[in-house]
Amino acid sequence: LQSQCWTVTPQSNRVGLRLAGEIPLARAQLAELPSEGTARGAIQVPPS
């Protein structure tokens, strides 16, 4: 997350910046996360 550059993609808008990196972020926990509150500025990582 810190070392890689992330490109802002054309799918970005007021909801959020959709970012693309050469190497995706891998999860250590693959369980389904129960819904929880999100803050402006949150960096959320979907399955991709």
All heavy atoms as atom14 arrays in JSON, in Angstrom:
{
  "sequence": "LQSQCWTVTPQSNRVGLRLAGEIPLARAQLAELPSEGTARGAIQVPPS",
  "atom14_mask": [
    [1, 1, 1, 1, 1, 1, 1, 1, 0, 0, 0, 0, 0, 0],
    [1, 1, 1, 1, 1, 1, 1, 1, 1, 0, 0, 0, 0, 0],
    [1, 1, 1, 1, 1, 1, 0, 0, 0, 0, 0, 0, 0, 0],
    [1, 1, 1, 1, 1, 1, 1, 1, 1, 0, 0, 0, 0, 0],
    [1, 1, 1, 1, 1, 1, 0, 0, 0, 0, 0, 0, 0, 0],
    [1, 1, 1, 1, 1, 1, 1, 1, 1, 1, 1, 1, 1, 1],
    [1, 1, 1, 1, 1, 1, 1, 0, 0, 0, 0, 0, 0, 0],
    [1, 1, 1, 1, 1, 1, 1, 0, 0, 0, 0, 0, 0, 0],
    [1, 1, 1, 1, 1, 1, 1, 0, 0, 0, 0, 0, 0, 0],
    [1, 1, 1, 1, 1, 1, 1, 0, 0, 0, 0, 0, 0, 0],
    [1, 1, 1, 1, 1, 1, 1, 1, 1, 0, 0, 0, 0, 0],
    [1, 1, 1, 1, 1, 1, 0, 0, 0, 0, 0, 0, 0, 0],
    [1, 1, 1, 1, 1, 1, 1, 1, 0, 0, 0, 0, 0, 0],
    [1, 1, 1, 1, 1, 1, 1, 1, 1, 1, 1, 0, 0, 0],
    [1, 1, 1, 1, 1, 1, 1, 0, 0, 0, 0, 0, 0, 0],
    [1, 1, 1, 1, 0, 0, 0, 0, 0, 0, 0, 0, 0, 0],
    [1, 1, 1, 1, 1, 1, 1, 1, 0, 0, 0, 0, 0, 0],
    [1, 1, 1, 1, 1, 1, 1, 1, 1, 1, 1, 0, 0, 0],
    [1, 1, 1, 1, 1, 1, 1, 1, 0, 0, 0, 0, 0, 0],
    [1, 1, 1, 1, 1, 0, 0, 0, 0, 0, 0, 0, 0, 0],
    [1, 1, 1, 1, 0, 0, 0, 0, 0, 0, 0, 0, 0, 0],
    [1, 1, 1, 1, 1, 1, 1, 1, 1, 0, 0, 0, 0, 0],
    [1, 1, 1, 1, 1, 1, 1, 1, 0, 0, 0, 0, 0, 0],
    [1, 1, 1, 1, 1, 1, 1, 0, 0, 0, 0, 0, 0, 0],
    [1, 1, 1, 1, 1, 1, 1, 1, 0, 0, 0, 0, 0, 0],
    [1, 1, 1, 1, 1, 0, 0, 0, 0, 0, 0, 0, 0, 0],
    [1, 1, 1, 1, 1, 1, 1, 1, 1, 1, 1, 0, 0, 0],
    [1, 1, 1, 1, 1, 0, 0, 0, 0, 0, 0, 0, 0, 0],
    [1, 1, 1, 1, 1, 1, 1, 1, 1, 0, 0, 0, 0, 0],
    [1, 1, 1, 1, 1, 1, 1, 1, 0, 0, 0, 0, 0, 0],
    [1, 1, 1, 1, 1, 0, 0, 0, 0, 0, 0, 0, 0, 0],
    [1, 1, 1, 1, 1, 1, 1, 1, 1, 0, 0, 0, 0, 0],
    [1, 1, 1, 1, 1, 1, 1, 1, 0, 0, 0, 0, 0, 0],
    [1, 1, 1, 1, 1, 1, 1, 0, 0, 0, 0, 0, 0, 0],
    [1, 1, 1, 1, 1, 1, 0, 0, 0, 0, 0, 0, 0, 0],
    [1, 1, 1, 1, 1, 1, 1, 1, 1, 0, 0, 0, 0, 0],
    [1, 1, 1, 1, 0, 0, 0, 0, 0, 0, 0, 0, 0, 0],
    [1, 1, 1, 1, 1, 1, 1, 0, 0, 0, 0, 0, 0, 0],
    [1, 1, 1, 1, 1, 0, 0, 0, 0, 0, 0, 0, 0, 0],
    [1, 1, 1, 1, 1, 1, 1, 1, 1, 1, 1, 0, 0, 0],
    [1, 1, 1, 1, 0, 0, 0, 0, 0, 0, 0, 0, 0, 0],
    [1, 1, 1, 1, 1, 0, 0, 0, 0, 0, 0, 0, 0, 0],
    [1, 1, 1, 1, 1, 1, 1, 1, 0, 0, 0, 0, 0, 0],
    [1, 1, 1, 1, 1, 1, 1, 1, 1, 0, 0, 0, 0, 0],
    [1, 1, 1, 1, 1, 1, 1, 0, 0, 0, 0, 0, 0, 0],
    [1, 1, 1, 1, 1, 1, 1, 0, 0, 0, 0, 0, 0, 0],
    [1, 1, 1, 1, 1, 1, 1, 0, 0, 0, 0, 0, 0, 0],
    [1, 1, 1, 1, 1, 1, 0, 0, 0, 0, 0, 0, 0, 0]
  ],
  "atom14_positions": [
    [[0.83, -1.2, 0.0], [0.0, 0.0, 0.0], [0.87, 1.25, 0.0], [0.56, 2.24, -0.68], [-0.92, 0.01, 1.22], [-1.83, 1.23, 1.34], [-2.97, 1.15, 0.33], [-2.4, 1.37, 2.75], [0.0, 0.0, 0.0], [0.0, 0.0, 0.0], [0.0, 0.0, 0.0], [0.0, 0.0, 0.0], [0.0, 0.0, 0.0], [0.0, 0.0, 0.0]],
    [[1.96, 1.21, 0.75], [2.85, 2.36, 0.86], [3.85, 2.45, -0.29], [4.13, 3.54, -0.79], [3.62, 2.3, 2.19], [4.64, 3.4, 2.37], [5.39, 3.28, 3.69], [5.2, 2.32, 4.43], [6.25, 4.24, 3.98], [0.0, 0.0, 0.0], [0.0, 0.0, 0.0], [0.0, 0.0, 0.0], [0.0, 0.0, 0.0], [0.0, 0.0, 0.0]],
    [[4.36, 1.33, -0.74], [5.47, 1.35, -1.69], [5.03, 1.49, -3.14], [5.8, 1.97, -3.98], [6.32, 0.08, -1.53], [5.54, -1.07, -1.84], [0.0, 0.0, 0.0], [0.0, 0.0, 0.0], [0.0, 0.0, 0.0], [0.0, 0.0, 0.0], [0.0, 0.0, 0.0], [0.0, 0.0, 0.0], [0.0, 0.0, 0.0], [0.0, 0.0, 0.0]],
    [[3.82, 1.07, -3.45], [3.37, 1.05, -4.84], [2.63, 2.32, -5.21], [1.9, 2.9, -4.4], [2.44, -0.16, -5.04], [1.94, -0.33, -6.45], [1.24, -1.66, -6.64], [1.77, -2.56, -7.3], [0.04, -1.8, -6.08], [0.0, 0.0, 0.0], [0.0, 0.0, 0.0], [0.0, 0.0, 0.0], [0.0, 0.0, 0.0], [0.0, 0.0, 0.0]],
    [[2.8, 2.76, -6.46], [2.01, 3.87, -6.99], [0.64, 3.34, -7.43], [0.54, 2.25, -8.0], [2.71, 4.49, -8.2], [3.7, 5.94, -7.78], [0.0, 0.0, 0.0], [0.0, 0.0, 0.0], [0.0, 0.0, 0.0], [0.0, 0.0, 0.0], [0.0, 0.0, 0.0], [0.0, 0.0, 0.0], [0.0, 0.0, 0.0], [0.0, 0.0, 0.0]],
    [[-0.4, 4.12, -7.18], [-1.76, 3.75, -7.52], [-2.32, 4.77, -8.51], [-2.29, 5.97, -8.25], [-2.64, 3.7, -6.27], [-2.13, 2.72, -5.25], [-1.27, 2.99, -4.22], [-2.4, 1.33, -5.21], [-1.02, 1.83, -3.52], [-1.7, 0.8, -4.1], [-3.2, 0.47, -5.97], [-1.76, -0.55, -3.76], [-3.26, -0.87, -5.64], [-2.54, -1.37, -4.54]],
    [[-2.82, 4.29, -9.64], [-3.34, 5.17, -10.7], [-4.83, 5.42, -10.49], [-5.6, 4.49, -10.25], [-3.12, 4.53, -12.09], [-1.73, 4.26, -12.27], [-3.6, 5.47, -13.18], [0.0, 0.0, 0.0], [0.0, 0.0, 0.0], [0.0, 0.0, 0.0], [0.0, 0.0, 0.0], [0.0, 0.0, 0.0], [0.0, 0.0, 0.0], [0.0, 0.0, 0.0]],
    [[-5.24, 6.69, -10.59], [-6.65, 7.05, -10.49], [-7.33, 6.71, -11.81], [-6.96, 7.22, -12.86], [-6.81, 8.55, -10.16], [-8.29, 8.92, -10.09], [-6.11, 8.9, -8.86], [0.0, 0.0, 0.0], [0.0, 0.0, 0.0], [0.0, 0.0, 0.0], [0.0, 0.0, 0.0], [0.0, 0.0, 0.0], [0.0, 0.0, 0.0], [0.0, 0.0, 0.0]],
    [[-8.34, 5.83, -11.76], [-8.98, 5.34, -12.98], [-10.17, 6.23, -13.37], [-10.71, 6.98, -12.55], [-9.48, 3.9, -12.79], [-10.57, 3.9, -11.86], [-8.37, 3.01, -12.25], [0.0, 0.0, 0.0], [0.0, 0.0, 0.0], [0.0, 0.0, 0.0], [0.0, 0.0, 0.0], [0.0, 0.0, 0.0], [0.0, 0.0, 0.0], [0.0, 0.0, 0.0]],
    [[-10.63, 6.1, -14.64], [-11.76, 6.91, -15.1], [-13.08, 6.58, -14.39], [-14.04, 7.33, -14.53], [-11.85, 6.57, -16.6], [-10.49, 6.09, -16.97], [-9.97, 5.38, -15.76], [0.0, 0.0, 0.0], [0.0, 0.0, 0.0], [0.0, 0.0, 0.0], [0.0, 0.0, 0.0], [0.0, 0.0, 0.0], [0.0, 0.0, 0.0], [0.0, 0.0, 0.0]],
    [[-13.16, 5.48, -13.66], [-14.38, 5.14, -12.94], [-14.52, 5.93, -11.64], [-15.49, 5.75, -10.9], [-14.41, 3.64, -12.61], [-14.59, 2.74, -13.82], [-13.36, 2.67, -14.71], [-12.23, 2.64, -14.21], [-13.58, 2.64, -16.02], [0.0, 0.0, 0.0], [0.0, 0.0, 0.0], [0.0, 0.0, 0.0], [0.0, 0.0, 0.0], [0.0, 0.0, 0.0]],
    [[-13.59, 6.82, -11.36], [-13.63, 7.62, -10.13], [-14.68, 8.71, -10.23], [-14.98, 9.22, -11.31], [-12.25, 8.25, -9.88], [-11.26, 7.24, -9.77], [0.0, 0.0, 0.0], [0.0, 0.0, 0.0], [0.0, 0.0, 0.0], [0.0, 0.0, 0.0], [0.0, 0.0, 0.0], [0.0, 0.0, 0.0], [0.0, 0.0, 0.0], [0.0, 0.0, 0.0]],
    [[-15.24, 9.09, -9.07], [-16.27, 10.12, -9.02], [-16.38, 10.66, -7.6], [-15.46, 10.46, -6.79], [-17.62, 9.58, -9.52], [-18.02, 8.29, -8.81], [-17.68, 8.07, -7.64], [-18.71, 7.42, -9.51], [0.0, 0.0, 0.0], [0.0, 0.0, 0.0], [0.0, 0.0, 0.0], [0.0, 0.0, 0.0], [0.0, 0.0, 0.0], [0.0, 0.0, 0.0]],
    [[-17.48, 11.32, -7.28], [-17.64, 11.89, -5.94], [-17.79, 10.81, -4.87], [-17.55, 11.07, -3.7], [-18.86, 12.83, -5.91], [-18.61, 14.21, -6.5], [-19.86, 15.09, -6.36], [-20.37, 15.08, -5.02], [-19.99, 15.91, -4.05], [-19.05, 16.81, -4.29], [-20.53, 15.83, -2.85], [0.0, 0.0, 0.0], [0.0, 0.0, 0.0], [0.0, 0.0, 0.0]],
    [[-18.2, 9.62, -5.25], [-18.3, 8.54, -4.27], [-16.91, 8.11, -3.83], [-16.67, 7.86, -2.63], [-19.06, 7.34, -4.86], [-19.09, 6.18, -3.87], [-20.48, 7.76, -5.22], [0.0, 0.0, 0.0], [0.0, 0.0, 0.0], [0.0, 0.0, 0.0], [0.0, 0.0, 0.0], [0.0, 0.0, 0.0], [0.0, 0.0, 0.0], [0.0, 0.0, 0.0]],
    [[-15.98, 8.0, -4.76], [-14.64, 7.6, -4.38], [-13.7, 7.53, -5.57], [-14.13, 7.52, -6.73], [0.0, 0.0, 0.0], [0.0, 0.0, 0.0], [0.0, 0.0, 0.0], [0.0, 0.0, 0.0], [0.0, 0.0, 0.0], [0.0, 0.0, 0.0], [0.0, 0.0, 0.0], [0.0, 0.0, 0.0], [0.0, 0.0, 0.0], [0.0, 0.0, 0.0]],
    [[-12.4, 7.5, -5.27], [-11.38, 7.29, -6.28], [-11.15, 5.8, -6.42], [-10.76, 5.12, -5.45], [-10.06, 7.97, -5.89], [-10.07, 9.49, -5.73], [-8.67, 9.99, -5.37], [-10.57, 10.18, -6.99], [0.0, 0.0, 0.0], [0.0, 0.0, 0.0], [0.0, 0.0, 0.0], [0.0, 0.0, 0.0], [0.0, 0.0, 0.0], [0.0, 0.0, 0.0]],
    [[-11.4, 5.27, -7.59], [-11.09, 3.86, -7.86], [-9.67, 3.8, -8.37], [-9.33, 4.4, -9.39], [-12.08, 3.28, -8.87], [-13.5, 3.2, -8.3], [-14.44, 2.46, -9.23], [-15.75, 2.35, -8.62], [-16.13, 1.34, -7.84], [-15.27, 0.36, -7.58], [-17.34, 1.3, -7.31], [0.0, 0.0, 0.0], [0.0, 0.0, 0.0], [0.0, 0.0, 0.0]],
    [[-8.84, 3.06, -7.63], [-7.41, 3.04, -7.88], [-6.99, 1.71, -8.5], [-7.6, 0.67, -8.24], [-6.63, 3.28, -6.58], [-7.03, 4.54, -5.8], [-6.28, 4.61, -4.48], [-6.76, 5.79, -6.64], [0.0, 0.0, 0.0], [0.0, 0.0, 0.0], [0.0, 0.0, 0.0], [0.0, 0.0, 0.0], [0.0, 0.0, 0.0], [0.0, 0.0, 0.0]],
    [[-5.92, 1.74, -9.29], [-5.39, 0.53, -9.91], [-3.88, 0.48, -9.67], [-3.17, 1.45, -9.94], [-5.69, 0.5, -11.4], [0.0, 0.0, 0.0], [0.0, 0.0, 0.0], [0.0, 0.0, 0.0], [0.0, 0.0, 0.0], [0.0, 0.0, 0.0], [0.0, 0.0, 0.0], [0.0, 0.0, 0.0], [0.0, 0.0, 0.0], [0.0, 0.0, 0.0]],
    [[-3.42, -0.65, -9.16], [-1.99, -0.87, -8.96], [-1.54, -2.1, -9.7], [-2.34, -2.99, -10.02], [0.0, 0.0, 0.0], [0.0, 0.0, 0.0], [0.0, 0.0, 0.0], [0.0, 0.0, 0.0], [0.0, 0.0, 0.0], [0.0, 0.0, 0.0], [0.0, 0.0, 0.0], [0.0, 0.0, 0.0], [0.0, 0.0, 0.0], [0.0, 0.0, 0.0]],
    [[-0.24, -2.17, -9.98], [0.3, -3.32, -10.72], [0.06, -4.62, -9.96], [-0.25, -5.66, -10.55], [1.79, -3.12, -10.96], [2.43, -4.21, -11.79], [3.9, -3.96, -12.05], [4.39, -2.86, -11.71], [4.57, -4.87, -12.56], [0.0, 0.0, 0.0], [0.0, 0.0, 0.0], [0.0, 0.0, 0.0], [0.0, 0.0, 0.0], [0.0, 0.0, 0.0]],
    [[0.18, -4.59, -8.63], [-0.02, -5.77, -7.8], [-1.19, -5.5, -6.87], [-1.16, -4.54, -6.1], [1.24, -6.1, -6.98], [2.45, -6.25, -7.9], [1.03, -7.37, -6.15], [3.76, -6.41, -7.15], [0.0, 0.0, 0.0], [0.0, 0.0, 0.0], [0.0, 0.0, 0.0], [0.0, 0.0, 0.0], [0.0, 0.0, 0.0], [0.0, 0.0, 0.0]],
    [[-2.26, -6.3, -6.9], [-3.39, -6.08, -5.99], [-3.02, -6.41, -4.55], [-2.06, -7.13, -4.29], [-4.46, -7.04, -6.53], [-3.71, -8.09, -7.26], [-2.48, -7.43, -7.81], [0.0, 0.0, 0.0], [0.0, 0.0, 0.0], [0.0, 0.0, 0.0], [0.0, 0.0, 0.0], [0.0, 0.0, 0.0], [0.0, 0.0, 0.0], [0.0, 0.0, 0.0]],
    [[-3.81, -5.89, -3.62], [-3.58, -6.13, -2.19], [-4.2, -7.47, -1.8], [-5.4, -7.68, -1.99], [-4.18, -5.0, -1.36], [-3.63, -3.59, -1.65], [-4.36, -2.55, -0.8], [-2.13, -3.54, -1.39], [0.0, 0.0, 0.0], [0.0, 0.0, 0.0], [0.0, 0.0, 0.0], [0.0, 0.0, 0.0], [0.0, 0.0, 0.0], [0.0, 0.0, 0.0]],
    [[-3.4, -8.35, -1.22], [-3.86, -9.68, -0.84], [-4.35, -9.69, 0.6], [-3.77, -9.05, 1.48], [-2.73, -10.7, -1.01], [0.0, 0.0, 0.0], [0.0, 0.0, 0.0], [0.0, 0.0, 0.0], [0.0, 0.0, 0.0], [0.0, 0.0, 0.0], [0.0, 0.0, 0.0], [0.0, 0.0, 0.0], [0.0, 0.0, 0.0], [0.0, 0.0, 0.0]],
    [[-5.44, -10.43, 0.83], [-6.01, -10.51, 2.16], [-5.48, -11.72, 2.9], [-5.27, -12.78, 2.33], [-7.53, -10.57, 2.08], [-8.11, -9.23, 1.75], [-9.57, -9.1, 1.76], [-10.35, -9.9, 2.65], [-11.68, -9.91, 2.6], [-12.3, -9.19, 1.68], [-12.38, -10.66, 3.44], [0.0, 0.0, 0.0], [0.0, 0.0, 0.0], [0.0, 0.0, 0.0]],
    [[-5.29, -11.55, 4.21], [-4.92, -12.65, 5.09], [-6.16, -13.36, 5.6], [-6.13, -14.56, 5.86], [-4.08, -12.15, 6.27], [0.0, 0.0, 0.0], [0.0, 0.0, 0.0], [0.0, 0.0, 0.0], [0.0, 0.0, 0.0], [0.0, 0.0, 0.0], [0.0, 0.0, 0.0], [0.0, 0.0, 0.0], [0.0, 0.0, 0.0], [0.0, 0.0, 0.0]],
    [[-7.26, -12.61, 5.75], [-8.53, -13.17, 6.17], [-9.51, -13.1, 5.0], [-9.75, -12.02, 4.46], [-9.11, -12.42, 7.36], [-8.31, -12.56, 8.65], [-9.09, -12.05, 9.85], [-10.27, -12.33, 9.98], [-8.42, -11.32, 10.73], [0.0, 0.0, 0.0], [0.0, 0.0, 0.0], [0.0, 0.0, 0.0], [0.0, 0.0, 0.0], [0.0, 0.0, 0.0]],
    [[-10.07, -14.25, 4.64], [-10.97, -14.31, 3.5], [-12.43, -14.38, 3.91], [-13.31, -14.49, 3.06], [-10.62, -15.52, 2.62], [-9.19, -15.52, 2.06], [-8.96, -16.77, 1.23], [-8.92, -14.26, 1.24], [0.0, 0.0, 0.0], [0.0, 0.0, 0.0], [0.0, 0.0, 0.0], [0.0, 0.0, 0.0], [0.0, 0.0, 0.0], [0.0, 0.0, 0.0]],
    [[-12.69, -14.32, 5.23], [-14.07, -14.39, 5.71], [-14.85, -13.16, 5.27], [-14.28, -12.14, 4.87], [-14.08, -14.49, 7.23], [0.0, 0.0, 0.0], [0.0, 0.0, 0.0], [0.0, 0.0, 0.0], [0.0, 0.0, 0.0], [0.0, 0.0, 0.0], [0.0, 0.0, 0.0], [0.0, 0.0, 0.0], [0.0, 0.0, 0.0], [0.0, 0.0, 0.0]],
    [[-16.19, -13.26, 5.32], [-17.05, -12.13, 4.98], [-17.12, -11.18, 6.17], [-17.43, -11.59, 7.28], [-18.44, -12.62, 4.61], [-19.34, -11.54, 4.06], [-20.65, -12.1, 3.52], [-20.63, -12.73, 2.45], [-21.69, -11.93, 4.18], [0.0, 0.0, 0.0], [0.0, 0.0, 0.0], [0.0, 0.0, 0.0], [0.0, 0.0, 0.0], [0.0, 0.0, 0.0]],
    [[-16.81, -9.92, 5.92], [-16.82, -8.92, 6.99], [-18.24, -8.4, 7.19], [-18.87, -7.93, 6.24], [-15.9, -7.75, 6.63], [-15.82, -6.59, 7.63], [-15.06, -7.04, 8.88], [-15.13, -5.37, 7.0], [0.0, 0.0, 0.0], [0.0, 0.0, 0.0], [0.0, 0.0, 0.0], [0.0, 0.0, 0.0], [0.0, 0.0, 0.0], [0.0, 0.0, 0.0]],
    [[-18.78, -8.46, 8.42], [-20.1, -7.85, 8.65], [-20.05, -6.36, 8.33], [-19.03, -5.7, 8.53], [-20.34, -8.09, 10.14], [-19.44, -9.23, 10.51], [-18.23, -9.09, 9.63], [0.0, 0.0, 0.0], [0.0, 0.0, 0.0], [0.0, 0.0, 0.0], [0.0, 0.0, 0.0], [0.0, 0.0, 0.0], [0.0, 0.0, 0.0], [0.0, 0.0, 0.0]],
    [[-21.16, -5.83, 7.83], [-21.21, -4.4, 7.49], [-20.81, -3.55, 8.67], [-21.18, -3.83, 9.82], [-22.62, -4.02, 7.03], [-22.94, -4.65, 5.82], [0.0, 0.0, 0.0], [0.0, 0.0, 0.0], [0.0, 0.0, 0.0], [0.0, 0.0, 0.0], [0.0, 0.0, 0.0], [0.0, 0.0, 0.0], [0.0, 0.0, 0.0], [0.0, 0.0, 0.0]],
    [[-20.02, -2.51, 8.41], [-19.64, -1.58, 9.47], [-19.51, -0.17, 8.9], [-19.4, 0.01, 7.68], [-18.35, -2.01, 10.16], [-17.16, -2.2, 9.27], [-16.0, -2.88, 10.0], [-16.25, -3.66, 10.93], [-14.84, -2.62, 9.64], [0.0, 0.0, 0.0], [0.0, 0.0, 0.0], [0.0, 0.0, 0.0], [0.0, 0.0, 0.0], [0.0, 0.0, 0.0]],
    [[-19.56, 0.82, 9.79], [-19.51, 2.21, 9.36], [-18.22, 2.55, 8.65], [-17.16, 2.02, 8.97], [0.0, 0.0, 0.0], [0.0, 0.0, 0.0], [0.0, 0.0, 0.0], [0.0, 0.0, 0.0], [0.0, 0.0, 0.0], [0.0, 0.0, 0.0], [0.0, 0.0, 0.0], [0.0, 0.0, 0.0], [0.0, 0.0, 0.0], [0.0, 0.0, 0.0]],
    [[-18.33, 3.43, 7.66], [-17.15, 3.89, 6.92], [-17.04, 5.4, 7.03], [-18.04, 6.11, 7.12], [-17.23, 3.49, 5.44], [-18.43, 4.03, 4.87], [-17.22, 1.98, 5.28], [0.0, 0.0, 0.0], [0.0, 0.0, 0.0], [0.0, 0.0, 0.0], [0.0, 0.0, 0.0], [0.0, 0.0, 0.0], [0.0, 0.0, 0.0], [0.0, 0.0, 0.0]],
    [[-15.81, 5.88, 7.01], [-15.54, 7.32, 7.14], [-15.09, 7.88, 5.8], [-14.56, 7.16, 4.95], [-14.46, 7.56, 8.2], [0.0, 0.0, 0.0], [0.0, 0.0, 0.0], [0.0, 0.0, 0.0], [0.0, 0.0, 0.0], [0.0, 0.0, 0.0], [0.0, 0.0, 0.0], [0.0, 0.0, 0.0], [0.0, 0.0, 0.0], [0.0, 0.0, 0.0]],
    [[-15.29, 9.16, 5.61], [-14.73, 9.83, 4.44], [-13.2, 9.68, 4.49], [-12.57, 9.92, 5.52], [-15.12, 11.3, 4.45], [-14.66, 12.08, 3.24], [-15.22, 13.48, 3.27], [-14.8, 14.28, 2.14], [-15.18, 15.52, 1.89], [-16.03, 16.1, 2.72], [-14.75, 16.18, 0.84], [0.0, 0.0, 0.0], [0.0, 0.0, 0.0], [0.0, 0.0, 0.0]],
    [[-12.62, 9.26, 3.39], [-11.19, 9.02, 3.34], [-10.81, 7.56, 3.53], [-9.64, 7.19, 3.35], [0.0, 0.0, 0.0], [0.0, 0.0, 0.0], [0.0, 0.0, 0.0], [0.0, 0.0, 0.0], [0.0, 0.0, 0.0], [0.0, 0.0, 0.0], [0.0, 0.0, 0.0], [0.0, 0.0, 0.0], [0.0, 0.0, 0.0], [0.0, 0.0, 0.0]],
    [[-11.79, 6.7, 3.85], [-11.51, 5.28, 4.05], [-11.01, 4.65, 2.76], [-11.51, 4.93, 1.67], [-12.77, 4.56, 4.54], [0.0, 0.0, 0.0], [0.0, 0.0, 0.0], [0.0, 0.0, 0.0], [0.0, 0.0, 0.0], [0.0, 0.0, 0.0], [0.0, 0.0, 0.0], [0.0, 0.0, 0.0], [0.0, 0.0, 0.0], [0.0, 0.0, 0.0]],
    [[-10.01, 3.77, 2.88], [-9.48, 3.04, 1.73], [-10.02, 1.61, 1.85], [-9.48, 0.78, 2.58], [-7.94, 3.05, 1.72], [-7.42, 4.5, 1.74], [-7.41, 2.33, 0.49], [-5.92, 4.62, 2.0], [0.0, 0.0, 0.0], [0.0, 0.0, 0.0], [0.0, 0.0, 0.0], [0.0, 0.0, 0.0], [0.0, 0.0, 0.0], [0.0, 0.0, 0.0]],
    [[-11.1, 1.35, 1.14], [-11.76, 0.05, 1.2], [-11.21, -0.84, 0.09], [-10.97, -0.37, -1.02], [-13.28, 0.22, 1.06], [-14.07, -1.03, 1.37], [-15.56, -0.81, 1.17], [-16.03, -0.66, 0.05], [-16.31, -0.81, 2.26], [0.0, 0.0, 0.0], [0.0, 0.0, 0.0], [0.0, 0.0, 0.0], [0.0, 0.0, 0.0], [0.0, 0.0, 0.0]],
    [[-11.03, -2.12, 0.4], [-10.43, -3.04, -0.56], [-11.41, -4.17, -0.89], [-11.64, -5.06, -0.06], [-9.11, -3.63, -0.03], [-8.45, -4.5, -1.11], [-8.16, -2.52, 0.4], [0.0, 0.0, 0.0], [0.0, 0.0, 0.0], [0.0, 0.0, 0.0], [0.0, 0.0, 0.0], [0.0, 0.0, 0.0], [0.0, 0.0, 0.0], [0.0, 0.0, 0.0]],
    [[-12.01, -4.15, -2.09], [-12.92, -5.22, -2.5], [-12.13, -6.48, -2.88], [-10.89, -6.47, -2.86], [-13.62, -4.61, -3.71], [-12.66, -3.6, -4.25], [-11.9, -3.07, -3.07], [0.0, 0.0, 0.0], [0.0, 0.0, 0.0], [0.0, 0.0, 0.0], [0.0, 0.0, 0.0], [0.0, 0.0, 0.0], [0.0, 0.0, 0.0], [0.0, 0.0, 0.0]],
    [[-12.82, -7.56, -3.24], [-12.12, -8.8, -3.57], [-11.07, -8.68, -4.68], [-10.12, -9.47, -4.73], [-13.26, -9.73, -4.0], [-14.44, -9.24, -3.25], [-14.28, -7.75, -3.2], [0.0, 0.0, 0.0], [0.0, 0.0, 0.0], [0.0, 0.0, 0.0], [0.0, 0.0, 0.0], [0.0, 0.0, 0.0], [0.0, 0.0, 0.0], [0.0, 0.0, 0.0]],
    [[-11.21, -7.7, -5.57], [-10.23, -7.52, -6.64], [-8.85, -7.13, -6.11], [-7.85, -7.28, -6.82], [-10.7, -6.45, -7.62], [-10.73, -5.17, -6.98], [0.0, 0.0, 0.0], [0.0, 0.0, 0.0], [0.0, 0.0, 0.0], [0.0, 0.0, 0.0], [0.0, 0.0, 0.0], [0.0, 0.0, 0.0], [0.0, 0.0, 0.0], [0.0, 0.0, 0.0]]
  ]
}
